[in-house]
Amino acid sequence: MTSMKRREMLHTTAAMTLGAIAGCAAPTVASNQPRTPFTVADTYIPIVGSDEMFPVRRIYCIGRNYAAHAREMGSDPTREPPFFFQKPTDAIQNVAPGTTANHPYPTLTKNYHYEIELVAALGKGGRNVPVEKALDLVYGYAIGLDMTRRDLQRGMGDQKKPWEIGKSFDMSAPIGPIHKVAQTGHFKQGSIWLKVNGQTKQDANLSQMIWSVAEQIAKLSEAFELMPGDIIFSGTPENVGPVVKGDVMEGHIDGLPNLSVKVV
């Protein structure tokens, strides 16, 4: 092995190790990969009780999946079918349990909102998956935040333009580690809440979802071929609201470690 190749291998190994420790995306190396002019990092989420990492393929999010939240956003939850949007994989910000991660206040916004959510991570895929078989696709669950530049989202919505700029930006999806289904079972009920600086802002029960995780998977699979590595943010309860620099958000779902981030 030449010294140059040895240096390249050491550099790649170090980058992967650093990425895993920091909770950031890290490049992968495969013998059959084509030569490229630069490396694009893959995205991973730690798996509890394992030295493996969960590779993220797509991030799906459901909108207005709790009735009270739908009403506070100006919708009628009794008549609306579920709708979905996506975030880029580099929206992931891994947050280790027992820590408070620094979360950067994004550019362009003056109205930055929290949305606490249960996240389902898929280990299997499929098309037109029946509801009764949908949960078979779930590998595990995590707690996450769907952070939103609300002013940009509403501004684009008022213009009847896509509001991706309000949802799909760097580090807009802080998330805890994935817990395998065998460890937790499936989440159909249980407390979900979010506090800002110790004050409760969102407080609901997972049983109040309009569309269950199984129904979300079934609906998504009608529009997309779901794949292993897809994750689904399952919607947020009412009382979303703004945070500013210095605020600490703490999110909770029964059965999962709390998620804590500080806006910087």
Protein backbone atom coordinates (compact mmCIF):
# COMPACT_ATOMS: atom_id res chain seq x y z
CA MET A 1 0.00 0.00 0.00
CA THR A 2 1.39 3.40 -0.94
CA SER A 3 1.82 6.13 1.65
CA MET A 4 -0.75 8.27 -0.20
CA LYS A 5 -3.40 5.55 -0.08
CA ARG A 6 -2.62 4.96 3.59
CA ARG A 7 -3.13 8.65 4.34
CA GLU A 8 -6.44 8.62 2.45
CA MET A 9 -7.67 5.65 4.47
CA LEU A 10 -6.65 7.26 7.76
CA HIS A 11 -8.37 10.49 6.79
CA THR A 12 -11.61 8.71 5.89
CA THR A 13 -11.59 6.64 9.07
CA ALA A 14 -11.00 9.73 11.19
CA ALA A 15 -13.81 11.59 9.44
CA MET A 16 -16.23 8.74 10.05
CA THR A 17 -15.25 8.48 13.71
CA LEU A 18 -15.55 12.22 14.26
CA GLY A 19 -18.94 12.28 12.56
CA ALA A 20 -20.26 9.50 14.78
CA ILE A 21 -18.98 11.19 17.94
CA ALA A 22 -20.29 14.62 17.00
CA GLY A 23 -23.63 13.29 15.85
CA CYS A 24 -23.12 14.67 12.36
CA ALA A 25 -23.16 13.16 8.92
CA ALA A 26 -20.08 11.16 7.95
CA PRO A 27 -18.88 9.84 4.58
CA THR A 28 -18.94 6.17 3.77
CA VAL A 29 -16.50 4.17 1.67
CA ALA A 30 -17.41 1.21 -0.53
CA SER A 31 -15.15 -0.64 -2.90
CA ASN A 32 -17.62 -0.33 -5.76
CA GLN A 33 -18.25 3.41 -5.42
CA PRO A 34 -17.46 5.53 -8.48
CA ARG A 35 -14.73 8.12 -8.33
CA THR A 36 -16.09 11.55 -7.53
CA PRO A 37 -14.53 15.03 -7.47
CA PHE A 38 -15.57 15.48 -3.82
CA THR A 39 -17.28 13.59 -0.99
CA VAL A 40 -20.91 14.17 -0.01
CA ALA A 41 -21.62 13.15 3.57
CA ASP A 42 -24.31 10.63 4.43
CA THR A 43 -26.62 11.13 7.41
CA TYR A 44 -26.96 8.76 10.36
CA ILE A 45 -28.88 8.59 13.64
CA PRO A 46 -27.48 6.58 16.59
CA ILE A 47 -29.37 3.40 17.55
CA VAL A 48 -29.77 2.77 21.27
CA GLY A 49 -28.12 -0.44 22.49
CA SER A 50 -26.16 -0.95 19.28
CA ASP A 51 -22.87 0.09 17.71
CA GLU A 52 -24.75 0.49 14.41
CA MET A 53 -26.07 3.76 13.05
CA PHE A 54 -29.41 4.24 11.29
CA PRO A 55 -28.87 5.55 7.72
CA VAL A 56 -31.37 8.25 6.79
CA ARG A 57 -32.77 8.13 3.24
CA ARG A 58 -35.72 10.53 3.36
CA ILE A 59 -37.44 12.65 6.00
CA TYR A 60 -41.22 12.82 5.68
CA CYS A 61 -43.39 15.06 7.86
CA ILE A 62 -47.17 15.11 8.23
CA GLY A 63 -48.95 18.42 8.61
CA ARG A 64 -51.70 19.30 11.10
CA ASN A 65 -52.12 15.86 12.63
CA TYR A 66 -53.61 16.95 15.96
CA ALA A 67 -57.08 18.52 15.79
CA ALA A 68 -56.36 21.47 18.09
CA HIS A 69 -53.15 22.29 16.21
CA ALA A 70 -54.99 22.11 12.89
CA ARG A 71 -57.52 24.62 14.20
CA GLU A 72 -54.85 26.98 15.52
CA MET A 73 -53.32 26.91 12.01
CA GLY A 74 -56.66 27.85 10.46
CA SER A 75 -57.81 24.43 9.21
CA ASP A 76 -60.78 22.15 9.77
CA PRO A 77 -59.37 18.78 10.90
CA THR A 78 -62.66 16.96 10.31
CA ARG A 79 -62.52 17.47 6.55
CA GLU A 80 -58.84 17.47 5.59
CA PRO A 81 -57.04 14.34 4.35
CA PRO A 82 -53.43 13.98 5.56
CA PHE A 83 -50.75 15.89 3.69
CA PHE A 84 -47.00 15.52 3.79
CA PHE A 85 -43.82 17.45 3.07
CA GLN A 86 -40.15 16.56 3.20
CA LYS A 87 -36.99 17.87 4.81
CA PRO A 88 -33.47 17.24 3.48
CA THR A 89 -31.42 14.65 5.31
CA ASP A 90 -28.93 17.28 6.46
CA ALA A 91 -31.73 18.84 8.50
CA ILE A 92 -30.92 16.17 11.09
CA GLN A 93 -29.25 17.40 14.28
CA ASN A 94 -28.45 14.46 16.55
CA VAL A 95 -28.97 15.22 20.24
CA ALA A 96 -27.63 12.77 22.82
CA PRO A 97 -29.87 12.03 25.83
CA GLY A 98 -28.79 13.83 28.99
CA THR A 99 -27.22 16.70 27.03
CA THR A 100 -28.43 20.10 25.87
CA ALA A 101 -27.27 20.66 22.31
CA ASN A 102 -26.65 24.10 20.87
CA HIS A 103 -29.18 24.75 18.13
CA PRO A 104 -28.46 27.67 15.79
CA TYR A 105 -31.14 30.29 15.22
CA PRO A 106 -31.55 30.25 11.42
CA THR A 107 -31.21 33.09 8.97
CA LEU A 108 -34.03 35.08 7.35
CA THR A 109 -36.63 34.55 10.09
CA LYS A 110 -37.98 36.64 12.95
CA ASN A 111 -40.58 34.08 14.05
CA TYR A 112 -38.92 30.72 14.77
CA HIS A 113 -41.27 28.02 16.05
CA TYR A 114 -40.94 24.68 17.86
CA GLU A 115 -43.01 21.58 17.06
CA ILE A 116 -42.42 18.48 19.22
CA GLU A 117 -43.11 15.16 17.46
CA LEU A 118 -42.85 11.38 17.61
CA VAL A 119 -40.60 10.06 14.84
CA ALA A 120 -41.01 6.62 13.25
CA ALA A 121 -37.96 5.10 11.54
CA LEU A 122 -38.57 2.50 8.83
CA GLY A 123 -36.50 -0.66 8.45
CA LYS A 124 -38.58 -2.02 5.56
CA GLY A 125 -40.26 -0.47 2.54
CA GLY A 126 -43.17 -0.98 0.20
CA ARG A 127 -45.89 0.47 -2.00
CA ASN A 128 -49.61 0.59 -1.19
CA VAL A 129 -49.04 -0.88 2.24
CA PRO A 130 -52.29 -1.85 4.02
CA VAL A 131 -52.87 -0.17 7.37
CA GLU A 132 -52.93 -3.49 9.20
CA LYS A 133 -49.41 -4.30 7.95
CA ALA A 134 -47.93 -0.80 8.10
CA LEU A 135 -46.33 -1.08 11.53
CA ASP A 136 -44.32 -4.09 10.26
CA LEU A 137 -42.20 -1.54 8.40
CA VAL A 138 -41.18 0.34 11.57
CA TYR A 139 -37.66 -0.32 12.85
CA GLY A 140 -37.84 2.04 15.80
CA TYR A 141 -38.91 5.38 17.25
CA ALA A 142 -37.31 8.64 18.35
CA ILE A 143 -38.33 12.04 19.69
CA GLY A 144 -37.79 15.01 17.39
CA LEU A 145 -38.43 18.68 16.73
CA ASP A 146 -39.78 20.01 13.43
CA MET A 147 -38.37 23.52 13.68
CA THR A 148 -40.13 26.04 11.47
CA ARG A 149 -39.43 29.53 10.11
CA ARG A 150 -43.10 30.38 10.57
CA ASP A 151 -43.02 33.82 8.99
CA LEU A 152 -41.44 32.42 5.83
CA GLN A 153 -43.85 29.47 5.76
CA ARG A 154 -46.89 31.72 6.10
CA GLY A 155 -45.56 34.27 3.65
CA MET A 156 -45.07 31.68 0.94
CA GLY A 157 -48.43 30.10 1.73
CA ASP A 158 -50.18 33.45 1.34
CA GLN A 159 -48.62 33.69 -2.12
CA LYS A 160 -49.72 30.12 -2.93
CA LYS A 161 -46.09 29.15 -3.38
CA PRO A 162 -44.27 26.12 -1.90
CA TRP A 163 -43.26 26.82 1.71
CA GLU A 164 -40.19 24.61 1.69
CA ILE A 165 -38.05 27.56 2.80
CA GLY A 166 -40.00 27.62 6.07
CA LYS A 167 -39.43 23.94 6.84
CA SER A 168 -36.47 22.51 4.94
CA PHE A 169 -33.28 24.16 6.16
CA ASP A 170 -30.06 23.20 7.94
CA MET A 171 -30.51 21.53 11.35
CA SER A 172 -34.27 22.03 11.31
CA ALA A 173 -34.83 18.49 12.64
CA PRO A 174 -33.17 17.97 16.06
CA ILE A 175 -33.67 14.34 17.02
CA GLY A 176 -32.84 11.88 19.77
CA PRO A 177 -31.45 8.38 19.15
CA ILE A 178 -33.61 5.63 17.68
CA HIS A 179 -35.05 3.01 20.01
CA LYS A 180 -35.85 -0.33 18.39
CA VAL A 181 -39.46 -1.48 18.45
CA ALA A 182 -38.38 -4.51 20.48
CA GLN A 183 -37.29 -2.11 23.23
CA THR A 184 -40.33 0.17 23.27
CA GLY A 185 -43.24 -1.40 21.44
CA HIS A 186 -45.34 0.80 19.16
CA PHE A 187 -46.39 4.24 20.37
CA LYS A 188 -50.16 4.67 20.20
CA GLN A 189 -50.72 6.67 23.37
CA GLY A 190 -48.71 8.47 26.02
CA SER A 191 -47.87 11.99 27.08
CA ILE A 192 -46.10 14.30 24.63
CA TRP A 193 -45.03 17.75 25.81
CA LEU A 194 -42.57 20.55 25.26
CA LYS A 195 -41.25 23.14 27.70
CA VAL A 196 -39.43 26.39 26.95
CA ASN A 197 -37.23 27.61 29.81
CA GLY A 198 -39.10 25.25 32.12
CA GLN A 199 -42.57 26.51 31.18
CA THR A 200 -44.92 24.00 29.53
CA LYS A 201 -46.00 25.12 26.05
CA GLN A 202 -47.29 21.97 24.35
CA ASP A 203 -49.04 19.21 26.30
CA ALA A 204 -51.07 16.42 24.69
CA ASN A 205 -51.36 12.67 24.22
CA LEU A 206 -50.23 10.61 21.24
CA SER A 207 -53.72 9.09 21.17
CA GLN A 208 -54.98 12.48 19.96
CA MET A 209 -53.33 12.08 16.55
CA ILE A 210 -55.88 12.38 13.74
CA TRP A 211 -53.93 9.87 11.64
CA SER A 212 -52.05 7.12 13.46
CA VAL A 213 -48.48 6.15 12.54
CA ALA A 214 -49.86 3.08 10.73
CA GLU A 215 -52.29 5.23 8.74
CA GLN A 216 -49.52 7.72 7.89
CA ILE A 217 -47.33 4.93 6.53
CA ALA A 218 -50.22 3.51 4.49
CA LYS A 219 -51.06 6.92 3.01
CA LEU A 220 -47.45 7.77 2.25
CA SER A 221 -46.97 4.45 0.48
CA GLU A 222 -49.74 5.37 -1.95
CA ALA A 223 -47.71 8.35 -3.16
CA PHE A 224 -44.13 7.11 -2.70
CA GLU A 225 -42.34 3.81 -2.60
CA LEU A 226 -41.18 3.76 1.00
CA MET A 227 -37.69 2.42 1.69
CA PRO A 228 -35.57 1.34 4.64
CA GLY A 229 -33.98 4.48 6.05
CA ASP A 230 -37.07 6.66 5.68
CA ILE A 231 -38.18 8.49 8.82
CA ILE A 232 -41.58 10.05 9.47
CA PHE A 233 -42.24 13.01 11.77
CA SER A 234 -45.79 12.26 12.91
CA GLY A 235 -47.17 15.72 13.64
CA THR A 236 -47.26 18.15 16.56
CA PRO A 237 -49.88 19.10 19.18
CA GLU A 238 -51.35 22.57 19.62
CA ASN A 239 -49.65 25.64 21.10
CA VAL A 240 -46.68 25.90 18.79
CA GLY A 241 -44.85 29.14 19.33
CA PRO A 242 -41.66 31.15 18.97
CA VAL A 243 -38.24 30.83 20.56
CA VAL A 244 -35.33 33.26 20.57
CA LYS A 245 -31.61 32.97 21.23
CA GLY A 246 -30.93 31.78 24.77
CA ASP A 247 -34.16 29.78 25.08
CA VAL A 248 -33.89 26.12 26.14
CA MET A 249 -36.43 23.68 24.73
CA GLU A 250 -37.08 20.37 26.46
CA GLY A 251 -39.27 17.80 24.74
CA HIS A 252 -40.80 14.65 26.21
CA ILE A 253 -42.61 11.53 25.00
CA ASP A 254 -43.49 8.78 27.47
CA GLY A 255 -41.09 5.88 26.98
CA LEU A 256 -38.28 7.89 25.37
CA PRO A 257 -35.46 10.03 26.85
CA ASN A 258 -36.14 13.75 26.85
CA LEU A 259 -34.73 15.94 24.09
CA SER A 260 -33.05 19.22 25.08
CA VAL A 261 -31.65 21.99 22.88
CA LYS A 262 -30.60 25.59 23.48
CA VAL A 263 -31.13 28.20 20.78
CA VAL A 264 -27.86 30.01 20.06
